[in-house]
Amino acid sequence: DQSAYRDIHTWATAYRKQYALYKYIRPIYNPSYRLGEFWKTHLFGGLLDVD
């Protein structure tokens, strides 16, 4: 998503100023979401058969 520090969030501007963050900061890549989606897709692949 990479919108955690955008100005559309009211707290983002104050957070950047308070901690003296770089103006164009972006979040660090976090693979945990992809891993969760991978296992969700493979373990819960679809509907079960009635039979």
N, C-alpha and C. Protein backbone atom coordinates (compact mmCIF):
# COMPACT_ATOMS: atom_id res chain seq x y z
N ASP A 1 0.83 -1.18 0.00
CA ASP A 1 0.00 0.00 0.00
C ASP A 1 0.87 1.25 0.00
N GLN A 2 1.87 1.30 0.83
CA GLN A 2 2.83 2.40 0.92
C GLN A 2 2.17 3.76 1.12
N SER A 3 1.08 3.80 1.85
CA SER A 3 0.42 5.07 2.12
C SER A 3 0.48 5.44 3.60
N ALA A 4 1.30 4.76 4.36
CA ALA A 4 1.33 4.97 5.81
C ALA A 4 1.76 6.37 6.20
N TYR A 5 2.61 6.99 5.40
CA TYR A 5 3.12 8.31 5.76
C TYR A 5 2.68 9.40 4.80
N ARG A 6 1.67 9.16 3.99
CA ARG A 6 1.19 10.19 3.07
C ARG A 6 0.44 11.27 3.83
N ASP A 7 0.31 12.43 3.19
CA ASP A 7 -0.37 13.55 3.83
C ASP A 7 -1.88 13.37 3.91
N ILE A 8 -2.43 12.35 3.25
CA ILE A 8 -3.87 12.15 3.33
C ILE A 8 -4.29 11.70 4.73
N HIS A 9 -3.34 11.14 5.48
CA HIS A 9 -3.61 10.79 6.87
C HIS A 9 -3.26 11.99 7.74
N THR A 10 -4.13 12.36 8.62
CA THR A 10 -3.92 13.57 9.42
C THR A 10 -2.72 13.44 10.35
N TRP A 11 -2.43 12.25 10.79
CA TRP A 11 -1.32 12.07 11.72
C TRP A 11 0.02 11.98 11.02
N ALA A 12 0.03 11.74 9.70
CA ALA A 12 1.28 11.47 8.99
C ALA A 12 2.23 12.66 8.97
N THR A 13 1.72 13.84 8.71
CA THR A 13 2.58 15.02 8.66
C THR A 13 3.21 15.29 10.02
N ALA A 14 2.42 15.22 11.07
CA ALA A 14 2.95 15.45 12.41
C ALA A 14 3.96 14.38 12.79
N TYR A 15 3.71 13.15 12.41
CA TYR A 15 4.63 12.05 12.72
C TYR A 15 5.98 12.26 12.05
N ARG A 16 5.95 12.66 10.78
CA ARG A 16 7.20 12.91 10.06
C ARG A 16 7.98 14.05 10.69
N LYS A 17 7.29 15.11 11.07
CA LYS A 17 7.97 16.26 11.69
C LYS A 17 8.49 15.92 13.08
N GLN A 18 7.70 15.21 13.85
CA GLN A 18 8.07 14.88 15.22
C GLN A 18 9.34 14.02 15.26
N TYR A 19 9.45 13.07 14.35
CA TYR A 19 10.60 12.17 14.35
C TYR A 19 11.64 12.53 13.30
N ALA A 20 11.49 13.70 12.68
CA ALA A 20 12.44 14.20 11.67
C ALA A 20 12.70 13.17 10.58
N LEU A 21 11.61 12.61 10.06
CA LEU A 21 11.73 11.62 9.00
C LEU A 21 11.94 12.29 7.65
N TYR A 22 12.51 11.55 6.73
CA TYR A 22 12.74 12.03 5.38
C TYR A 22 11.40 12.36 4.73
N LYS A 23 11.36 13.39 3.90
CA LYS A 23 10.11 13.86 3.31
C LYS A 23 9.41 12.77 2.48
N TYR A 24 10.19 11.98 1.76
CA TYR A 24 9.61 10.98 0.87
C TYR A 24 9.82 9.57 1.41
N ILE A 25 9.61 9.38 2.70
CA ILE A 25 9.84 8.08 3.33
C ILE A 25 8.84 7.05 2.81
N ARG A 26 9.33 5.82 2.66
CA ARG A 26 8.48 4.71 2.25
C ARG A 26 8.68 3.57 3.23
N PRO A 27 7.67 2.74 3.43
CA PRO A 27 7.83 1.64 4.37
C PRO A 27 8.80 0.59 3.85
N ILE A 28 9.40 -0.14 4.77
CA ILE A 28 10.31 -1.22 4.42
C ILE A 28 9.48 -2.39 3.91
N TYR A 29 10.00 -3.12 2.94
CA TYR A 29 9.31 -4.28 2.40
C TYR A 29 9.08 -5.30 3.51
N ASN A 30 7.86 -5.74 3.64
CA ASN A 30 7.50 -6.70 4.67
C ASN A 30 6.91 -7.93 4.00
N PRO A 31 7.62 -9.05 4.00
CA PRO A 31 7.13 -10.25 3.30
C PRO A 31 6.05 -11.02 4.05
N SER A 32 5.72 -10.64 5.26
CA SER A 32 4.76 -11.43 6.03
C SER A 32 3.37 -11.45 5.40
N TYR A 33 2.95 -10.35 4.77
CA TYR A 33 1.64 -10.34 4.11
C TYR A 33 1.62 -11.33 2.96
N ARG A 34 2.68 -11.34 2.16
CA ARG A 34 2.74 -12.27 1.03
C ARG A 34 2.77 -13.72 1.50
N LEU A 35 3.50 -13.98 2.57
CA LEU A 35 3.54 -15.34 3.10
C LEU A 35 2.16 -15.77 3.60
N GLY A 36 1.48 -14.88 4.28
CA GLY A 36 0.14 -15.19 4.75
C GLY A 36 -0.83 -15.46 3.61
N GLU A 37 -0.76 -14.65 2.57
CA GLU A 37 -1.63 -14.85 1.40
C GLU A 37 -1.29 -16.14 0.67
N PHE A 38 -0.01 -16.49 0.60
CA PHE A 38 0.42 -17.73 -0.05
C PHE A 38 -0.19 -18.93 0.67
N TRP A 39 -0.02 -18.98 1.99
CA TRP A 39 -0.53 -20.13 2.73
C TRP A 39 -2.06 -20.14 2.78
N LYS A 40 -2.68 -18.99 2.83
CA LYS A 40 -4.15 -18.94 2.80
C LYS A 40 -4.66 -19.53 1.49
N THR A 41 -4.01 -19.16 0.39
CA THR A 41 -4.43 -19.64 -0.92
C THR A 41 -4.21 -21.14 -1.07
N HIS A 42 -3.09 -21.64 -0.56
CA HIS A 42 -2.78 -23.05 -0.73
C HIS A 42 -3.50 -23.96 0.27
N LEU A 43 -3.74 -23.48 1.45
CA LEU A 43 -4.42 -24.31 2.44
C LEU A 43 -5.94 -24.24 2.32
N PHE A 44 -6.45 -23.08 1.96
CA PHE A 44 -7.89 -22.89 1.82
C PHE A 44 -8.19 -22.52 0.38
N GLY A 45 -7.93 -23.45 -0.52
CA GLY A 45 -7.99 -23.18 -1.95
C GLY A 45 -9.38 -22.96 -2.53
N GLY A 46 -10.40 -23.42 -1.90
CA GLY A 46 -11.72 -23.24 -2.48
C GLY A 46 -12.79 -23.97 -1.68
N LEU A 47 -13.93 -24.14 -2.29
CA LEU A 47 -15.05 -24.80 -1.63
C LEU A 47 -14.83 -26.30 -1.58
N LEU A 48 -15.35 -26.93 -0.54
CA LEU A 48 -15.27 -28.38 -0.41
C LEU A 48 -16.43 -29.02 -1.14
N ASP A 49 -16.20 -30.23 -1.65
CA ASP A 49 -17.27 -30.98 -2.31
C ASP A 49 -18.26 -31.50 -1.28
N VAL A 50 -19.51 -31.56 -1.66
CA VAL A 50 -20.56 -32.06 -0.77
C VAL A 50 -20.41 -33.57 -0.58
N ASP A 51 -19.94 -34.25 -1.60
CA ASP A 51 -19.83 -35.73 -1.55
C ASP A 51 -18.80 -36.17 -0.60
